[in-house]
Structures are given as C-alpha cells and as structure tokens.
Amino acid sequence: MLIGVLGAVVIAAAVYGIPWIRFVLSTVSTDDAFVNGHVTFVAPRVHGQVARVLVDDNNRVHKGDLLVELDKEPFRDAVAVKKAAVDTAEADLQATKAAVRGIEAQARSRRWQLQQAIENVENQIALLHARVAALRKAKATLTLAQQEFDRTSKLVETDTASRELYDQRQASLSIAQAGVVQALADVNQIRVSLGLQEKPEDSADLDQVPPNLDQTFSSVLQAQAALIQIAAELGVLHSYNQSPKQMVDEFENADPQGDINRTFDRLAAEAPAVKQAEAKLEATKRDLALAELDLRYCDVVADIDGVVTRRNVNPGNDVQVGQNLMAIRSLGEIWVDANFKETQLRDLRIGQAADLYVDMYGGKQVFKGRIAGFTMGTGSTLALLPAQNATGNFVKIVQRLPVRIELEGYDPDKTPLFIGTSVVPYVNINKPPTGPDAGKFLQSNMQPSPAGAPAASPPGVDK
C-alpha cells in the first residue's frame, strides 16, 4: 500500500507538477496590475444656461448622443443678427460693383482723352510743318512776283510792255507779299498754340519743336493727371515718371492679346472698393458661421462610446466654457497596466503574448493580450516628489516599471472590464513576439496623420 501511495504521488506530481513547472519557467507574472482606459471629460464650448440634462451616472452612451442641452434662444437671435449683416454686406457689394462700373467708364474716357490729347499735339506739329512749307511756297511765289514786276517795270519805261500788264504784275506782287504775311501768321499761330515763341519769316527753325512735346504739353499732362486720379480708384497706381504714351500703352500691354476691354473688366473686378466690400462680406459670413457654430455647440454631445461618470451638472446651472460637466469612460479603448519588477524585464519585449486573469471573473475567463510598450521611467521617478539619492544614504529597493498590455479580441458587450480592477498577467516569454515593433523595447516613431484625420493619442495619455 505504501508503495502504491508513493507511486500515485509520483504520478500525480509528474502529471500536474511538470506542466506547472514548465508554465512557471516560461512565463513572467505580477500581481501588481490593473485595468486602465481613456477618459473624456465633457465640457461646453459656449457659455450659457443648462436647459436639459439627458444622462446620468452609469448610463451607457454612444458617440454623437446628446448629453446636455443649453438654452438656444440667445444664440438664435445672434444668428438672425449675423444673417442680416450678411444681407447688408451683399447689398453693399452690389452697390460697390455698380459704382466701380461707373469709375471704369470714367477711366476709359480719361484714357481716350489722354490718347486724343497726344494725337492733337502730334497733329498740331504736323500742321506746323505743313504751314512752314506753305510759308516757303509763299516766299517762292513772292520772289517770282517780284522778279516779274521788276522786269515789267523796265519794259514799261521803253513802251515794250503795256501799262495794263504793269498793273497786273504790281497786283500779283502785292498779293504775294500778303500771302507771305498770311503764311507767317499761320505758322506763328500754330507755334503759339503749341506753347512756342513766334519767329520771323527768315528764321531757320520755324518748324523745329522739342522732341518730346507730345509728352510734355500742358493738355497732355492735364489728361495724364486726370487718368492717374481715376485709375487709382481701380487699383492701378501710375507713376509720374511714366510718359503719357507709356501710360496709354500700359492698358493694352496688361492683356496678353492687347484687349483693352478685358483689361478694364479685370480692373473693375479687382478694384480696391470691390475687394474691400468682398472682404466685408466674407467677414460677415464668417461671423454668421461662428454664430451658427455656437448655436450647434448648445447641444453637448458624446465624443466617444462609453459610460457616463462624475456627472455634476443639473438643469438651470449657468455653465462656462470648458467647465467640467461629466466624464465618459471608454469601454473599448482600455488596456492593462502591469507593474513588473525591474528584475523581470530582462526577457520582456513588445509583441509578447499574455494571458490576463481578472479578479472579478476569477479563473473562468482568461483574456488575451499583447505587450504594447514600456513606460520610460519607474514609478518613483515619475512621482510628485522623486527620491533624492545624492545624500549618500541610498537604500536599494527593487523598482517597478509600468508595462502596457493591449487586449486582443476584447468584446465589452460580453465580458466588460471596469477601470481599476485587479489583473494578474502571465507573459509567455518563449513564444516569438508578433505585431508592430515585435521584439523591441521602444516603439517606432508615430506616422503623421493624414490631412483632416485626428492624430492618435499617445499610449497611456487620457484624451
């Protein structure tokens, strides 16, 4: 019987002891672990009075559910005022565009006036040359008439020519003299109209004018100043260093195809008054959008799925922006913080599988997990008053380092885990690590979030 009992003990030890020893040697465990998770604090974005509170502590909510409703009447009035401001700004914009069209017409007219002034000066210069040519012709006619008169006078003395012919030659000479006087008067008239001094008929520079007279003449400069004044209202800033001809050509050169109409249409659309009215309209639209946004903010909604906790708001309360109304504990975004001793960290790496035994479920339910990361510091270094060991009285104490274990295949609807409940994790160090950053101590750099997507929260940081 003794031999049989000893045999049974040996067999039982072999059956149950060997797997247990193997399990102990292949796992790392700690009883200093608990369930942790994200918490979102609910706060209003606008100041107002609470009209309704639709949830209470321990109520389960989904993302987008209405939690608290503020009094919307003041915000509706603000939206109505902003809408009226937008309508007024739109009317002002239309009136400004109509006024700018009138300015555009004046600018077109001033440009043609400047071009006409330049052409008038050029025509006067051409007319001066023609009058000088006519004076020279009259002088040539006078010379011929004088010669014929002198010849006829000699012939009359010898009775070779009749007295009638003499009178004709004398009349022709008088007419030629008057023609020269008239031609000289016409020349000096043009010179005076061009702002030049009168010259005698024997002057060699009767038809000489300054080379840039068509750019410096008073009527041209006056038309240029008028164009500069009206063009400034269209946003075209001319310099007085520009010549009138350059200023006229600038409107054609502003368009690739030289279309002046398109140039003026563009200037009218981009006039400072129009831009100012458009900016005012955009500002009023932005104010309206903000007012409508504040109206929507009167509905305080849940940002995540979870359970309501710490409700401290009631109907009638006057709440401020950012005031804590309640908190929402996430049911899905939870993990296990296991505080392993530093002597246990030698074989732990990211990606190692872990079996999690939660005290509230006993041994009936085993949760699966995976090491996701290590905290960069022990609990003593992260404490409010960290230990100061530089005094020489240092006593070595085995430190604990928080290790984050993510849950795999977790379903909160079937087996929910509550924040703070105790967990006993068993990390299998013999199985190869899997998943991102497997086999490492540190996680890789986080990739930047796509445009428009919210950035992921760092591990262990509450939202």
Protein backbone atom coordinates (compact mmCIF):
# COMPACT_ATOMS: atom_id res chain seq x y z
CA MET A 1 0.00 0.00 0.00
CA LEU A 2 2.84 2.40 0.85
CA ILE A 3 4.48 1.67 -2.45
CA GLY A 4 1.16 2.23 -4.22
CA VAL A 5 0.60 5.54 -2.44
CA LEU A 6 4.10 6.70 -3.25
CA GLY A 7 3.58 5.69 -6.85
CA ALA A 8 0.34 7.61 -7.05
CA VAL A 9 2.04 10.68 -5.57
CA VAL A 10 4.86 10.39 -8.08
CA ILE A 11 2.42 10.03 -10.96
CA ALA A 12 0.33 12.98 -9.76
CA ALA A 13 3.44 15.10 -9.35
CA ALA A 14 4.52 14.17 -12.85
CA VAL A 15 1.10 14.89 -14.35
CA TYR A 16 0.43 18.22 -12.60
CA GLY A 17 3.84 19.33 -11.40
CA ILE A 18 5.80 19.17 -14.62
CA PRO A 19 3.32 21.37 -16.61
CA TRP A 20 3.19 23.78 -13.69
CA ILE A 21 6.97 24.00 -13.51
CA ARG A 22 7.14 24.40 -17.26
CA PHE A 23 4.47 27.14 -17.07
CA VAL A 24 6.37 28.95 -14.32
CA LEU A 25 9.64 28.80 -16.20
CA SER A 26 8.10 30.01 -19.48
CA THR A 27 6.06 32.95 -18.12
CA VAL A 28 6.62 36.17 -16.21
CA SER A 29 3.83 37.33 -13.92
CA THR A 30 2.94 40.01 -11.39
CA ASP A 31 0.01 40.67 -9.11
CA ASP A 32 0.54 44.45 -9.34
CA ALA A 33 -1.61 45.10 -12.41
CA PHE A 34 -4.94 46.78 -13.11
CA VAL A 35 -7.28 47.72 -15.91
CA ASN A 36 -6.84 51.24 -17.30
CA GLY A 37 -8.57 53.19 -20.06
CA HIS A 38 -9.19 56.54 -21.64
CA VAL A 39 -11.50 59.06 -20.04
CA THR A 40 -13.07 62.00 -21.88
CA PHE A 41 -14.19 64.99 -19.87
CA VAL A 42 -17.33 66.61 -21.23
CA ALA A 43 -17.28 70.42 -21.25
CA PRO A 44 -19.36 73.06 -23.08
CA ARG A 45 -17.80 75.19 -25.80
CA VAL A 46 -20.10 78.17 -25.17
CA HIS A 47 -21.33 79.97 -22.10
CA GLY A 48 -25.00 79.50 -21.34
CA GLN A 49 -27.73 78.16 -19.08
CA VAL A 50 -28.47 74.45 -18.96
CA ALA A 51 -31.92 73.62 -20.30
CA ARG A 52 -31.84 69.81 -20.13
CA VAL A 53 -29.58 67.02 -18.92
CA LEU A 54 -30.38 63.77 -20.69
CA VAL A 55 -27.99 61.31 -19.00
CA ASP A 56 -27.00 60.24 -15.52
CA ASP A 57 -24.09 58.39 -13.97
CA ASN A 58 -23.50 54.85 -15.26
CA ASN A 59 -25.58 55.45 -18.40
CA ARG A 60 -24.03 53.97 -21.49
CA VAL A 61 -23.76 56.42 -24.40
CA HIS A 62 -22.59 56.29 -27.98
CA LYS A 63 -20.58 58.81 -29.94
CA GLY A 64 -22.85 61.68 -31.01
CA ASP A 65 -25.53 61.11 -28.34
CA LEU A 66 -26.97 64.30 -26.84
CA LEU A 67 -25.87 64.69 -23.22
CA VAL A 68 -26.66 68.27 -22.23
CA GLU A 69 -28.68 70.96 -23.97
CA LEU A 70 -28.14 74.67 -23.32
CA ASP A 71 -30.71 77.44 -23.80
CA LYS A 72 -30.59 78.23 -27.55
CA GLU A 73 -32.71 81.38 -27.70
CA PRO A 74 -29.84 83.92 -27.31
CA PHE A 75 -27.81 82.08 -29.93
CA ARG A 76 -30.75 82.02 -32.37
CA ASP A 77 -31.04 85.80 -32.01
CA ALA A 78 -27.30 86.15 -32.67
CA VAL A 79 -27.66 84.04 -35.83
CA ALA A 80 -30.51 86.26 -37.05
CA VAL A 81 -28.42 89.39 -36.49
CA LYS A 82 -25.48 87.89 -38.38
CA LYS A 83 -27.74 86.87 -41.27
CA ALA A 84 -28.97 90.45 -41.53
CA ALA A 85 -25.36 91.64 -41.58
CA VAL A 86 -24.62 89.22 -44.43
CA ASP A 87 -27.59 90.53 -46.43
CA THR A 88 -26.42 94.11 -45.87
CA ALA A 89 -22.88 93.24 -46.94
CA GLU A 90 -24.17 91.56 -50.10
CA ALA A 91 -26.20 94.66 -50.97
CA ASP A 92 -23.16 96.86 -50.30
CA LEU A 93 -21.10 94.67 -52.60
CA GLN A 94 -23.61 95.04 -55.44
CA ALA A 95 -23.72 98.81 -54.94
CA THR A 96 -19.93 98.96 -54.91
CA LYS A 97 -19.70 96.96 -58.13
CA ALA A 98 -22.16 99.36 -59.78
CA ALA A 99 -20.13 102.36 -58.58
CA VAL A 100 -16.92 100.78 -59.83
CA ARG A 101 -18.52 100.24 -63.22
CA GLY A 102 -19.08 103.99 -63.33
CA ILE A 103 -15.45 104.56 -62.39
CA GLU A 104 -14.43 102.12 -65.11
CA ALA A 105 -16.38 104.15 -67.67
CA GLN A 106 -14.64 107.33 -66.47
CA ALA A 107 -11.25 105.60 -66.68
CA ARG A 108 -11.98 104.52 -70.24
CA SER A 109 -12.96 108.09 -71.09
CA ARG A 110 -9.86 109.56 -69.42
CA ARG A 111 -7.63 107.13 -71.28
CA TRP A 112 -9.16 108.12 -74.63
CA GLN A 113 -8.85 111.78 -73.66
CA LEU A 114 -5.15 111.30 -72.92
CA GLN A 115 -4.65 109.47 -76.21
CA GLN A 116 -6.60 112.19 -78.03
CA ALA A 117 -4.50 114.90 -76.35
CA ILE A 118 -1.32 113.21 -77.54
CA GLU A 119 -2.73 112.85 -81.04
CA ASN A 120 -3.84 116.50 -81.07
CA VAL A 121 -0.31 117.64 -80.25
CA GLU A 122 1.06 115.36 -82.93
CA ASN A 123 -1.49 116.77 -85.41
CA GLN A 124 -0.52 120.32 -84.45
CA ILE A 125 3.14 119.51 -85.03
CA ALA A 126 2.29 118.02 -88.43
CA LEU A 127 0.18 121.10 -89.21
CA LEU A 128 3.11 123.33 -88.22
CA HIS A 129 5.32 121.56 -90.72
CA ALA A 130 2.63 122.00 -93.37
CA ARG A 131 2.27 125.73 -92.56
CA VAL A 132 6.03 126.21 -92.74
CA ALA A 133 6.00 124.52 -96.12
CA ALA A 134 3.18 126.83 -97.18
CA LEU A 135 5.25 129.84 -95.99
CA ARG A 136 8.19 128.70 -98.06
CA LYS A 137 5.90 128.31 -101.05
CA ALA A 138 4.52 131.81 -100.47
CA LYS A 139 8.05 133.21 -100.26
CA ALA A 140 8.91 131.49 -103.51
CA THR A 141 5.79 132.96 -105.10
CA LEU A 142 6.75 136.40 -103.77
CA THR A 143 10.23 136.08 -105.23
CA LEU A 144 8.76 135.19 -108.62
CA ALA A 145 6.25 138.02 -108.45
CA GLN A 146 9.00 140.49 -107.52
CA GLN A 147 11.12 139.39 -110.45
CA GLU A 148 8.22 139.67 -112.90
CA PHE A 149 7.32 143.10 -111.54
CA ASP A 150 10.88 144.35 -111.87
CA ARG A 151 11.10 143.05 -115.43
CA THR A 152 7.75 144.60 -116.37
CA SER A 153 8.80 147.94 -114.85
CA LYS A 154 11.78 148.15 -117.20
CA LEU A 155 9.69 147.18 -120.18
CA VAL A 156 7.09 149.82 -119.37
CA GLU A 157 9.76 152.55 -119.47
CA THR A 158 10.65 151.54 -123.06
CA ASP A 159 6.96 151.14 -124.02
CA THR A 160 7.66 147.46 -124.69
CA ALA A 161 5.04 146.37 -122.13
CA SER A 162 1.62 147.85 -121.67
CA ARG A 163 0.53 149.76 -118.64
CA GLU A 164 -2.13 147.11 -118.02
CA LEU A 165 0.48 144.37 -117.73
CA TYR A 166 2.43 146.55 -115.33
CA ASP A 167 -0.64 146.92 -113.12
CA GLN A 168 -1.20 143.16 -113.18
CA ARG A 169 2.38 142.48 -112.15
CA GLN A 170 2.13 145.05 -109.38
CA ALA A 171 -1.10 143.46 -108.10
CA SER A 172 0.46 139.98 -108.21
CA LEU A 173 3.39 141.29 -106.19
CA SER A 174 1.08 142.76 -103.56
CA ILE A 175 -0.88 139.52 -103.39
CA ALA A 176 2.35 137.51 -103.00
CA GLN A 177 3.52 139.83 -100.21
CA ALA A 178 0.19 139.43 -98.44
CA GLY A 179 0.43 135.66 -98.91
CA VAL A 180 3.79 135.58 -97.17
CA VAL A 181 2.46 137.65 -94.28
CA GLN A 182 -0.58 135.37 -94.02
CA ALA A 183 1.54 132.19 -94.14
CA LEU A 184 3.87 133.55 -91.46
CA ALA A 185 0.88 134.43 -89.30
CA ASP A 186 -0.47 130.89 -89.72
CA VAL A 187 2.90 129.43 -88.73
CA ASN A 188 3.18 131.60 -85.63
CA GLN A 189 -0.42 130.79 -84.72
CA ILE A 190 0.43 127.08 -84.62
CA ARG A 191 3.65 127.78 -82.71
CA VAL A 192 1.79 129.79 -80.11
CA SER A 193 -0.86 127.07 -79.78
CA LEU A 194 2.00 124.62 -79.10
CA GLY A 195 3.48 126.91 -76.47
CA LEU A 196 6.37 128.06 -78.67
CA GLN A 197 7.60 131.60 -79.35
CA GLU A 198 6.82 133.47 -82.55
CA LYS A 199 9.59 133.55 -85.13
CA PRO A 200 10.31 135.92 -88.09
CA GLU A 201 9.92 134.61 -91.58
CA ASP A 202 13.65 134.39 -92.17
CA SER A 203 14.18 132.16 -89.06
CA ALA A 204 15.71 128.80 -89.90
CA ASP A 205 13.95 126.87 -87.07
CA LEU A 206 10.36 127.79 -87.75
CA ASP A 207 9.32 124.13 -87.87
CA GLN A 208 11.57 122.96 -85.04
CA VAL A 209 9.78 121.72 -81.89
CA PRO A 210 11.07 119.90 -78.76
CA PRO A 211 11.41 116.15 -79.42
CA ASN A 212 9.02 115.18 -76.56
CA LEU A 213 6.48 117.94 -76.95
CA ASP A 214 3.66 115.41 -77.37
CA GLN A 215 4.55 114.05 -73.88
CA THR A 216 5.11 117.33 -72.04
CA PHE A 217 2.41 119.58 -73.48
CA SER A 218 0.06 121.08 -70.89
CA SER A 219 -3.13 119.48 -72.26
CA VAL A 220 -1.40 116.10 -72.34
CA LEU A 221 -0.15 116.47 -68.76
CA GLN A 222 -3.61 117.54 -67.63
CA ALA A 223 -5.18 114.49 -69.24
CA GLN A 224 -2.45 112.34 -67.73
CA ALA A 225 -3.16 113.65 -64.21
CA ALA A 226 -6.87 113.00 -64.67
CA LEU A 227 -6.18 109.43 -65.78
CA ILE A 228 -3.84 108.82 -62.82
CA GLN A 229 -6.53 110.03 -60.43
CA ILE A 230 -9.34 107.86 -61.80
CA ALA A 231 -7.10 104.81 -62.40
CA ALA A 232 -6.05 104.86 -58.73
CA GLU A 233 -9.68 104.13 -57.81
CA LEU A 234 -9.40 100.96 -59.91
CA GLY A 235 -6.24 99.94 -58.08
CA VAL A 236 -3.83 100.97 -60.88
CA LEU A 237 -1.05 103.07 -59.36
CA HIS A 238 0.74 105.01 -62.06
CA SER A 239 3.97 106.88 -61.56
CA TYR A 240 4.52 110.42 -62.81
CA ASN A 241 7.84 109.15 -64.13
CA GLN A 242 5.87 107.29 -66.78
CA SER A 243 5.35 109.10 -70.04
CA PRO A 244 1.76 109.60 -71.21
CA LYS A 245 2.43 107.30 -74.14
CA GLN A 246 3.64 104.55 -71.79
CA MET A 247 0.56 105.07 -69.64
CA VAL A 248 -1.74 104.69 -72.63
CA ASP A 249 0.06 101.58 -73.85
CA GLU A 250 0.04 100.02 -70.38
CA PHE A 251 -3.67 99.25 -70.60
CA GLU A 252 -3.10 97.34 -73.84
CA ASN A 253 0.00 95.54 -72.58
CA ALA A 254 -1.85 94.40 -69.44
CA ASP A 255 -3.73 91.85 -71.55
CA PRO A 256 -1.82 89.13 -73.46
CA GLN A 257 -3.97 89.74 -76.53
CA GLY A 258 -3.99 93.52 -76.16
CA ASP A 259 -7.73 93.62 -75.45
CA ILE A 260 -8.43 96.85 -73.56
CA ASN A 261 -11.97 95.75 -72.72
CA ARG A 262 -10.74 92.67 -70.88
CA THR A 263 -8.17 94.80 -69.08
CA PHE A 264 -10.82 97.18 -67.78
CA ASP A 265 -13.14 94.31 -66.86
CA ARG A 266 -10.37 92.73 -64.80
CA LEU A 267 -9.51 96.04 -63.15
CA ALA A 268 -13.16 96.62 -62.27
CA ALA A 269 -13.43 93.15 -60.73
CA GLU A 270 -10.22 93.68 -58.74
CA ALA A 271 -10.82 97.28 -57.71
CA PRO A 272 -9.94 98.11 -54.07
CA ALA A 273 -13.51 99.11 -53.28
CA VAL A 274 -14.80 95.79 -54.62
CA LYS A 275 -12.14 93.85 -52.73
CA GLN A 276 -13.00 95.73 -49.56
CA ALA A 277 -16.70 95.01 -49.99
CA GLU A 278 -15.96 91.34 -50.73
CA ALA A 279 -13.74 91.12 -47.65
CA LYS A 280 -16.51 92.68 -45.56
CA LEU A 281 -18.96 90.15 -46.96
CA GLU A 282 -16.60 87.27 -46.17
CA ALA A 283 -16.13 88.62 -42.65
CA THR A 284 -19.88 88.77 -42.08
CA LYS A 285 -20.26 85.25 -43.48
CA ARG A 286 -17.54 84.06 -41.13
CA ASP A 287 -19.32 85.76 -38.22
CA LEU A 288 -22.53 84.03 -39.28
CA ALA A 289 -20.74 80.68 -39.45
CA LEU A 290 -19.34 81.23 -35.95
CA ALA A 291 -22.79 82.18 -34.65
CA GLU A 292 -24.29 79.05 -36.22
CA LEU A 293 -21.43 77.04 -34.76
CA ASP A 294 -22.14 78.44 -31.30
CA LEU A 295 -25.80 77.51 -31.80
CA ARG A 296 -24.78 73.93 -32.60
CA TYR A 297 -22.50 73.92 -29.57
CA CYS A 298 -25.60 74.34 -27.41
CA ASP A 299 -26.01 70.60 -27.91
CA VAL A 300 -23.25 68.96 -25.87
CA VAL A 301 -22.75 65.50 -27.34
CA ALA A 302 -20.61 62.49 -26.50
CA ASP A 303 -17.29 62.33 -28.32
CA ILE A 304 -16.70 58.62 -27.67
CA ASP A 305 -18.59 55.46 -26.83
CA GLY A 306 -18.55 54.72 -23.14
CA VAL A 307 -20.21 55.08 -19.74
CA VAL A 308 -21.06 58.36 -18.02
CA THR A 309 -19.34 59.05 -14.71
CA ARG A 310 -18.90 62.03 -12.39
CA ARG A 311 -21.95 63.95 -13.55
CA ASN A 312 -22.04 67.32 -11.79
CA VAL A 313 -24.47 69.40 -13.83
CA ASN A 314 -28.22 69.99 -13.47
CA PRO A 315 -30.87 71.98 -15.36
CA GLY A 316 -30.71 75.68 -14.60
CA ASN A 317 -26.95 75.74 -13.97
CA ASP A 318 -25.02 78.57 -15.60
CA VAL A 319 -22.01 76.91 -17.17
CA GLN A 320 -18.81 78.44 -18.50
CA VAL A 321 -16.69 77.46 -21.48
CA GLY A 322 -14.52 74.49 -20.55
CA GLN A 323 -16.36 73.74 -17.31
CA ASN A 324 -16.29 70.04 -16.45
CA LEU A 325 -19.84 68.68 -16.65
CA MET A 326 -19.21 64.93 -16.57
CA ALA A 327 -16.77 62.30 -17.76
CA ILE A 328 -17.13 59.37 -20.14
CA ARG A 329 -15.11 56.23 -19.57
CA SER A 330 -14.37 54.32 -22.75
CA LEU A 331 -15.40 50.66 -22.87
CA GLY A 332 -13.38 49.77 -25.95
CA GLU A 333 -10.16 51.76 -25.56
CA ILE A 334 -8.86 50.03 -22.44
CA TRP A 335 -5.66 48.19 -21.60
CA VAL A 336 -3.81 46.67 -18.66
CA ASP A 337 -1.01 48.48 -16.83
CA ALA A 338 1.22 45.80 -15.28
CA ASN A 339 3.94 46.97 -12.87
CA PHE A 340 6.69 44.39 -13.32
CA LYS A 341 9.78 44.37 -11.14
CA GLU A 342 12.92 45.53 -12.85
CA THR A 343 14.37 42.06 -12.37
CA GLN A 344 11.54 40.68 -14.54
CA LEU A 345 12.14 42.97 -17.51
CA ARG A 346 15.10 41.05 -18.91
CA ASP A 347 13.01 38.72 -21.05
CA LEU A 348 10.05 41.06 -21.78
CA ARG A 349 9.67 42.60 -25.25
CA ILE A 350 6.99 44.31 -27.29
CA GLY A 351 4.72 41.83 -29.04
CA GLN A 352 4.88 39.02 -26.48
CA ALA A 353 1.56 37.29 -25.79
CA ALA A 354 0.00 37.47 -22.33
CA ASP A 355 -2.82 35.65 -20.54
CA LEU A 356 -4.79 38.01 -18.29
CA TYR A 357 -6.71 36.77 -15.26
CA VAL A 358 -9.10 39.37 -13.87
CA ASP A 359 -10.11 39.03 -10.23
CA MET A 360 -13.73 39.97 -10.90
CA TYR A 361 -14.06 36.95 -13.22
CA GLY A 362 -11.76 34.59 -11.31
CA GLY A 363 -10.22 31.82 -13.38
CA LYS A 364 -13.31 31.26 -15.51
CA GLN A 365 -12.42 33.94 -18.04
CA VAL A 366 -8.94 34.35 -19.49
CA PHE A 367 -8.35 37.46 -21.60
CA LYS A 368 -5.73 37.52 -24.29
CA GLY A 369 -3.27 40.38 -24.57
CA ARG A 370 -0.03 41.59 -26.08
CA ILE A 371 2.72 43.80 -24.69
CA ALA A 372 2.41 47.20 -26.45
CA GLY A 373 5.10 49.29 -24.77
CA PHE A 374 7.18 50.21 -21.73
CA THR A 375 6.92 53.39 -19.69
CA MET A 376 10.12 55.44 -19.83
CA GLY A 377 10.62 55.59 -16.08
CA THR A 378 9.75 53.78 -12.91
CA GLY A 379 7.04 54.89 -10.54
CA SER A 380 9.49 56.54 -8.14
CA THR A 381 11.00 58.77 -10.86
CA LEU A 382 7.55 59.84 -12.08
CA ALA A 383 6.28 60.62 -8.58
CA LEU A 384 5.41 64.15 -7.49
CA LEU A 385 8.40 64.11 -5.11
CA PRO A 386 11.02 61.79 -6.67
CA ALA A 387 13.63 60.25 -4.43
CA GLN A 388 16.89 62.15 -3.97
CA ASN A 389 19.72 59.64 -3.54
CA ALA A 390 22.65 62.06 -3.70
CA THR A 391 22.89 62.37 0.13
CA GLY A 392 24.77 59.11 0.48
CA ASN A 393 22.10 57.23 2.44
CA PHE A 394 20.79 55.37 -0.59
CA VAL A 395 18.98 52.11 0.08
CA LYS A 396 18.44 49.94 -2.94
CA ILE A 397 14.83 48.92 -3.47
CA VAL A 398 13.65 46.86 -6.37
CA GLN A 399 11.74 49.22 -8.63
CA ARG A 400 8.68 48.50 -10.73
CA LEU A 401 8.19 49.67 -14.32
CA PRO A 402 4.69 50.03 -15.83
CA VAL A 403 4.24 47.82 -18.88
CA ARG A 404 1.25 48.37 -21.14
CA ILE A 405 -0.61 45.27 -22.33
CA GLU A 406 -3.22 45.65 -25.06
CA LEU A 407 -6.27 43.41 -25.13
CA GLU A 408 -6.92 41.21 -28.15
CA GLY A 409 -10.36 40.03 -29.15
CA TYR A 410 -11.96 42.01 -26.34
CA ASP A 411 -15.76 42.40 -26.53
CA PRO A 412 -17.11 44.86 -23.91
CA ASP A 413 -20.70 43.76 -24.54
CA LYS A 414 -19.99 40.17 -23.44
CA THR A 415 -17.27 40.48 -20.80
CA PRO A 416 -16.78 44.14 -19.85
CA LEU A 417 -13.76 45.20 -17.84
CA PHE A 418 -14.00 48.06 -15.39
CA ILE A 419 -11.27 50.61 -14.87
CA GLY A 420 -9.09 49.94 -11.84
CA THR A 421 -9.98 46.26 -11.36
CA SER A 422 -7.07 43.96 -10.47
CA VAL A 423 -5.44 41.74 -13.07
CA VAL A 424 -2.80 39.02 -12.90
CA PRO A 425 -0.95 38.86 -16.25
CA TYR A 426 1.18 35.92 -17.38
CA VAL A 427 3.51 36.88 -20.21
CA ASN A 428 4.76 33.95 -22.29
CA ILE A 429 8.43 34.65 -22.94
CA ASN A 430 9.07 31.50 -25.00
CA LYS A 431 6.65 32.31 -27.82
CA PRO A 432 8.02 34.62 -30.56
CA PRO A 433 6.72 38.22 -30.40
CA THR A 434 4.22 39.31 -33.05
CA GLY A 435 2.75 42.53 -34.38
CA PRO A 436 4.26 46.01 -34.79
CA ASP A 437 7.71 46.60 -33.22
CA ALA A 438 7.87 42.92 -32.19
CA GLY A 439 10.93 42.09 -30.13
CA LYS A 440 11.80 45.72 -29.28
CA PHE A 441 11.83 47.76 -26.11
CA LEU A 442 10.79 51.04 -27.80
CA GLN A 443 8.02 51.76 -30.25
CA SER A 444 8.77 53.21 -33.67
CA ASN A 445 8.12 56.85 -34.48
CA MET A 446 4.43 57.58 -34.96
CA GLN A 447 3.49 58.23 -38.57
CA PRO A 448 1.88 61.64 -39.25
CA SER A 449 -1.88 61.50 -39.53
CA PRO A 450 -3.44 62.07 -42.96
CA ALA A 451 -4.78 65.53 -43.73
CA GLY A 452 -8.06 66.05 -41.91
CA ALA A 453 -7.70 62.98 -39.68
CA PRO A 454 -7.23 63.43 -35.91
CA ALA A 455 -3.87 62.46 -34.52
CA ALA A 456 -3.77 59.27 -32.48
CA SER A 457 -3.40 59.68 -28.73
CA PRO A 458 -0.06 58.50 -27.30
CA PRO A 459 -0.27 55.32 -25.23
CA GLY A 460 -1.36 55.97 -21.66
CA VAL A 461 -2.45 59.58 -22.24
CA ASP A 462 -6.04 60.49 -21.40
CA LYS A 463 -8.00 62.39 -24.02
